[in-house]
Structures are given as C-alpha cells and as structure tokens.
Amino acid sequence: MTEADPSAAPRTKPAGRKPAAKSARRRSREFALQGLYQWLIAGSEAAEIDAHVRELDGFKQADSAHFDALLHGCLAEAATLDAVLARHVDRKTTELSPIEHGVLMIGAYELKNCIDIPYRVAINEAVELAKSFGGTDGHKYVNGVLDKAAAELRPVEVAARRGQA
C-alpha cells in the first residue's frame, strides 16, 4: 500500500447539476406525510400531530397553508379519500404500507381539492414522496393508482391531456 499524496487535489463530486432546492410546497407534502404516518400508525389526534410536526426541523421552510390543507383535509376526508382509492387499489387500503397509504391520500386529496395544481403535477409529487420515503417499487404503485384516480376525479383535464398525446 502506498500513502496518499498530500499534494494531490481533494476528491470532489463529479461535475453536474446540483439538486434543486425543495420547494415550500414539496416540504409541506413531506411534513403532511409525516403527520399522516403518525395518524395511521398511532391514531393520534389532529391537534397533537399538527403541534408535533410544526416543531420539526425545517418546518419554517414549508408552505404552512398547504400543509394545513393537506394534513387537516386528509384527516377530515379520510373515509372519502379511501373510498376513491379503494376503487383503484388491489387490496384494502388498511393493508397498504402506511407510507404508501399516506402518499396516496395526499395525492387523492390534491386531485380532488387542489384544482390549481395540474393533475400530472399532483401525481408526480406523490411519486417523488413515494421514492423518498416508500419501499423500493412503491412509487410505481402510487403512480398507477393515482393515474386511475385522476381519470375519475378530473376526467375533463385528463381527457384533454391524453387527447394531445
């Protein structure tokens, strides 16, 4: 073995694009997912979850209004969202992993209630959440389920987009 040459330049990462900073909305989705996970696993109350998540590092960089809409909207509409998802999943929603279930709830909520967000963006954001926090191929499952849900929840927008292809 030879010693490292102290005059050699330090190793650097290969040149390329630096990952883009997370948007405030993406952060709000991540925090909402953490809250939904807590709810799905422990059944905690909304106020307790909300207070806990707001204390987490980095919450100040999130879009708190979108976080509120996602967390409280998903909790308030959980039965409705699960009914929508149940038509497109291959098992009971209670049998889904809590991460995939939470991601699907967020995606379905945005498809149903956040009309200002294009359906493809809502699906892509859910897929990115699943890639970051879910199982190995969970993002593929999320993509397929939400693509079907989008056709149900936003038929005009989906048909217009597919007509362009």
Protein backbone atom coordinates (compact mmCIF):
# COMPACT_ATOMS: atom_id res chain seq x y z
CA MET A 1 0.00 0.00 0.00
CA THR A 2 1.18 3.49 -0.73
CA GLU A 3 0.48 6.59 1.22
CA ALA A 4 -1.83 9.19 -0.21
CA ASP A 5 -0.06 12.08 -1.85
CA PRO A 6 -0.77 15.09 0.40
CA SER A 7 -0.27 17.47 -2.52
CA ALA A 8 -2.96 15.79 -4.59
CA ALA A 9 -6.18 17.71 -5.02
CA PRO A 10 -9.03 16.56 -2.80
CA ARG A 11 -11.63 14.39 -4.45
CA THR A 12 -14.70 16.27 -5.49
CA LYS A 13 -18.07 15.18 -6.72
CA PRO A 14 -18.33 14.87 -10.49
CA ALA A 15 -19.44 17.99 -12.28
CA GLY A 16 -23.11 18.06 -12.90
CA ARG A 17 -26.30 19.64 -11.82
CA LYS A 18 -26.78 20.34 -8.18
CA PRO A 19 -30.09 19.00 -6.88
CA ALA A 20 -32.69 21.72 -6.87
CA ALA A 21 -33.71 23.06 -3.51
CA LYS A 22 -37.01 21.67 -2.33
CA SER A 23 -39.94 23.96 -2.88
CA ALA A 24 -42.05 25.09 0.06
CA ARG A 25 -44.95 23.03 -1.31
CA ARG A 26 -42.84 19.88 -1.57
CA ARG A 27 -41.74 20.39 2.02
CA SER A 28 -45.37 20.83 3.07
CA ARG A 29 -46.20 17.49 1.45
CA GLU A 30 -43.31 15.81 3.27
CA PHE A 31 -44.45 17.19 6.62
CA ALA A 32 -48.08 16.26 5.89
CA LEU A 33 -46.90 12.73 5.11
CA GLN A 34 -45.12 12.56 8.46
CA GLY A 35 -48.32 13.67 10.17
CA LEU A 36 -50.45 11.16 8.28
CA TYR A 37 -47.97 8.43 9.12
CA GLN A 38 -48.32 9.30 12.81
CA TRP A 39 -52.11 9.21 12.46
CA LEU A 40 -52.13 5.91 10.57
CA ILE A 41 -49.72 4.21 12.99
CA ALA A 42 -50.70 5.64 16.37
CA GLY A 43 -54.14 7.15 15.77
CA SER A 44 -53.03 10.44 17.31
CA GLU A 45 -55.37 13.43 17.37
CA ALA A 46 -55.07 16.06 14.63
CA ALA A 47 -54.12 18.87 17.01
CA GLU A 48 -51.40 16.75 18.62
CA ILE A 49 -50.00 15.75 15.22
CA ASP A 50 -50.12 19.34 13.96
CA ALA A 51 -48.26 20.66 17.01
CA HIS A 52 -45.64 17.93 16.79
CA VAL A 53 -44.95 18.40 13.07
CA ARG A 54 -44.67 22.18 13.39
CA GLU A 55 -41.81 21.66 15.86
CA LEU A 56 -39.76 19.57 13.42
CA ASP A 57 -36.58 20.97 11.92
CA GLY A 58 -37.17 22.72 8.62
CA PHE A 59 -40.90 23.29 9.06
CA LYS A 60 -40.42 27.05 8.67
CA GLN A 61 -39.35 26.46 5.04
CA ALA A 62 -42.63 24.68 4.27
CA ASP A 63 -45.79 26.24 2.88
CA SER A 64 -47.77 26.13 6.11
CA ALA A 65 -51.10 26.90 4.40
CA HIS A 66 -50.66 23.93 2.06
CA PHE A 67 -49.54 21.76 4.97
CA ASP A 68 -52.71 22.71 6.86
CA ALA A 69 -54.87 21.92 3.85
CA LEU A 70 -53.19 18.56 3.28
CA LEU A 71 -52.98 17.31 6.85
CA HIS A 72 -56.35 18.50 8.10
CA GLY A 73 -58.07 17.88 4.75
CA CYS A 74 -56.78 14.30 4.53
CA LEU A 75 -57.79 13.60 8.12
CA ALA A 76 -61.24 15.14 7.68
CA GLU A 77 -61.84 13.38 4.35
CA ALA A 78 -60.05 10.10 5.15
CA ALA A 79 -63.13 7.93 4.53
CA THR A 80 -63.93 9.69 1.25
CA LEU A 81 -60.33 9.51 0.05
CA ASP A 82 -60.10 5.83 0.99
CA ALA A 83 -63.33 5.18 -0.93
CA VAL A 84 -61.81 6.77 -4.04
CA LEU A 85 -58.56 4.85 -3.58
CA ALA A 86 -60.37 1.56 -2.89
CA ARG A 87 -61.69 1.59 -6.47
CA HIS A 88 -58.13 1.60 -7.81
CA VAL A 89 -56.01 -0.46 -5.39
CA ASP A 90 -55.53 -4.22 -5.35
CA ARG A 91 -56.18 -4.66 -1.62
CA LYS A 92 -57.91 -2.91 1.26
CA THR A 93 -56.39 0.48 1.98
CA THR A 94 -55.81 -0.66 5.57
CA GLU A 95 -53.45 -3.32 4.16
CA LEU A 96 -51.27 -0.78 2.34
CA SER A 97 -47.99 0.26 3.93
CA PRO A 98 -48.59 3.41 6.00
CA ILE A 99 -46.22 5.37 3.77
CA GLU A 100 -47.95 4.38 0.53
CA HIS A 101 -51.35 4.90 2.13
CA GLY A 102 -50.36 8.40 3.29
CA VAL A 103 -48.85 9.29 -0.08
CA LEU A 104 -51.97 8.06 -1.88
CA MET A 105 -54.18 10.08 0.47
CA ILE A 106 -52.16 13.23 -0.24
CA GLY A 107 -52.28 12.60 -4.00
CA ALA A 108 -56.01 11.87 -3.97
CA TYR A 109 -56.66 14.93 -1.81
CA GLU A 110 -54.76 17.18 -4.21
CA LEU A 111 -56.52 15.66 -7.22
CA LYS A 112 -59.91 16.17 -5.57
CA ASN A 113 -59.46 19.54 -3.91
CA CYS A 114 -56.44 21.44 -5.29
CA ILE A 115 -57.65 22.22 -8.78
CA ASP A 116 -54.93 24.89 -9.15
CA ILE A 117 -52.37 22.05 -9.19
CA PRO A 118 -52.35 20.25 -12.57
CA TYR A 119 -53.19 16.57 -12.17
CA ARG A 120 -49.82 15.48 -13.58
CA VAL A 121 -48.02 17.63 -11.00
CA ALA A 122 -50.10 16.15 -8.17
CA ILE A 123 -49.25 12.63 -9.35
CA ASN A 124 -45.56 13.45 -9.86
CA GLU A 125 -45.27 14.99 -6.40
CA ALA A 126 -46.84 11.88 -4.87
CA VAL A 127 -44.44 9.67 -6.84
CA GLU A 128 -41.50 11.72 -5.56
CA LEU A 129 -42.75 11.31 -1.97
CA ALA A 130 -43.01 7.56 -2.51
CA LYS A 131 -39.48 7.45 -3.96
CA SER A 132 -38.11 9.36 -0.97
CA PHE A 133 -39.96 7.61 1.82
CA GLY A 134 -41.57 4.44 0.48
CA GLY A 135 -40.48 0.96 -0.45
CA THR A 136 -38.36 0.04 -3.46
CA ASP A 137 -41.10 -0.01 -6.10
CA GLY A 138 -43.80 1.81 -4.13
CA HIS A 139 -43.57 4.80 -6.44
CA LYS A 140 -44.72 2.67 -9.39
CA TYR A 141 -47.76 1.52 -7.44
CA VAL A 142 -48.56 5.10 -6.39
CA ASN A 143 -48.24 6.28 -9.99
CA GLY A 144 -50.62 3.62 -11.30
CA VAL A 145 -53.25 4.14 -8.61
CA LEU A 146 -53.25 7.93 -8.87
CA ASP A 147 -53.31 7.83 -12.67
CA LYS A 148 -56.56 5.85 -12.44
CA ALA A 149 -57.90 8.11 -9.69
CA ALA A 150 -57.12 11.19 -11.79
CA ALA A 151 -59.27 9.85 -14.62
CA GLU A 152 -62.13 9.58 -12.12
CA LEU A 153 -61.57 12.85 -10.23
CA ARG A 154 -60.53 15.08 -13.13
CA PRO A 155 -61.99 13.47 -16.24
CA VAL A 156 -62.01 16.61 -18.40
CA GLU A 157 -58.42 17.57 -17.61
CA VAL A 158 -57.17 14.01 -18.11
CA ALA A 159 -59.08 13.55 -21.36
CA ALA A 160 -57.79 16.87 -22.69
CA ARG A 161 -54.21 15.92 -21.83
CA ARG A 162 -54.49 12.44 -23.32
CA GLY A 163 -56.07 13.87 -26.44
CA GLN A 164 -52.93 15.93 -27.01
CA ALA A 165 -50.62 12.91 -26.93
